[in-house]
Amino acid sequence: MRERRIKKKISVYDLFRKLDKVGSGFITHEGWHNNLNDFIVFTEDENENLFNYFDRNKNKVIDYKSFQNFMNGSADTVQS
């Protein structure tokens, strides 16, 4: 995902904002699935697996810090 984002020249912040259409500070499960393929195309299974990876708390939302850590290559610092 990082490589695809870089190749498309989309900043982490801009991608997060585009996935968080309502400006809540979180990417919802619905927002992820409805909007990700507008920027970076994945299969349905890849989309779901990526969302589940980001959603460490299993509360169906992704916060910016977790998203940023992963996208910048520091996924080991994402809290579970």
Protein backbone atom coordinates (compact mmCIF):
# COMPACT_ATOMS: atom_id res chain seq x y z
CA MET A 1 0.00 0.00 0.00
CA ARG A 2 2.86 2.37 0.84
CA GLU A 3 4.46 1.81 -2.55
CA ARG A 4 1.21 2.38 -4.40
CA ARG A 5 0.55 5.59 -2.46
CA ILE A 6 4.03 6.90 -3.24
CA LYS A 7 3.73 5.95 -6.89
CA LYS A 8 0.45 7.88 -7.13
CA LYS A 9 2.09 10.85 -5.31
CA ILE A 10 -0.58 11.02 -2.62
CA SER A 11 0.52 12.24 0.82
CA VAL A 12 -0.47 10.20 3.87
CA TYR A 13 -2.50 13.13 5.18
CA ASP A 14 -4.34 13.67 1.89
CA LEU A 15 -5.16 9.98 1.53
CA PHE A 16 -6.48 9.87 5.09
CA ARG A 17 -8.63 12.97 4.49
CA LYS A 18 -10.05 11.48 1.30
CA LEU A 19 -10.94 8.25 3.11
CA ASP A 20 -12.42 10.20 6.05
CA LYS A 21 -15.05 11.90 3.90
CA VAL A 22 -17.04 13.20 6.88
CA GLY A 23 -14.03 14.75 8.64
CA SER A 24 -14.50 12.79 11.87
CA GLY A 25 -10.81 12.04 12.34
CA PHE A 26 -11.45 8.36 11.71
CA ILE A 27 -11.82 6.17 8.65
CA THR A 28 -14.89 4.00 9.07
CA HIS A 29 -15.19 0.50 7.66
CA GLU A 30 -17.77 1.80 5.21
CA GLY A 31 -15.65 4.80 4.21
CA TRP A 32 -12.63 2.57 3.63
CA HIS A 33 -14.51 0.21 1.34
CA ASN A 34 -16.41 2.95 -0.48
CA ASN A 35 -13.45 5.24 -1.12
CA LEU A 36 -10.09 3.43 -1.17
CA ASN A 37 -10.37 2.17 -4.75
CA ASP A 38 -10.82 5.77 -5.93
CA PHE A 39 -7.13 6.26 -5.09
CA ILE A 40 -5.44 2.88 -4.79
CA VAL A 41 -7.01 -0.22 -6.31
CA PHE A 42 -7.07 -3.48 -4.35
CA THR A 43 -9.19 -6.60 -4.54
CA GLU A 44 -12.11 -6.91 -2.12
CA ASP A 45 -10.12 -9.39 0.01
CA GLU A 46 -7.08 -7.10 0.07
CA ASN A 47 -9.28 -4.17 1.11
CA GLU A 48 -10.78 -6.15 3.98
CA ASN A 49 -7.44 -7.54 5.13
CA LEU A 50 -5.86 -4.07 5.09
CA PHE A 51 -8.74 -2.58 7.04
CA ASN A 52 -8.52 -5.34 9.63
CA TYR A 53 -4.78 -4.78 9.96
CA PHE A 54 -5.25 -1.07 10.64
CA ASP A 55 -8.23 -1.63 12.96
CA ARG A 56 -6.17 -2.91 15.88
CA ASN A 57 -8.93 -2.23 18.42
CA LYS A 58 -11.52 -4.05 16.29
CA ASN A 59 -13.94 -1.13 16.61
CA LYS A 60 -14.46 -0.68 12.84
CA VAL A 61 -12.56 2.63 12.65
CA ILE A 62 -8.99 3.62 11.83
CA ASP A 63 -7.45 6.61 13.56
CA TYR A 64 -4.94 8.91 11.88
CA LYS A 65 -1.99 7.96 14.10
CA SER A 66 -2.28 4.25 13.28
CA PHE A 67 -2.74 5.03 9.60
CA GLN A 68 0.23 7.41 9.57
CA ASN A 69 2.52 4.98 11.41
CA PHE A 70 1.81 2.21 8.95
CA MET A 71 2.04 4.40 5.88
CA ASN A 72 5.37 5.83 7.02
CA GLY A 73 6.83 2.40 7.61
CA SER A 74 6.64 2.31 11.39
CA ALA A 75 3.81 -0.20 11.74
CA ASP A 76 5.56 -1.81 14.69
CA THR A 77 4.66 1.28 16.72
CA VAL A 78 0.93 0.84 16.10
CA GLN A 79 -0.77 0.00 19.38
CA SER A 80 -2.88 -3.14 19.62
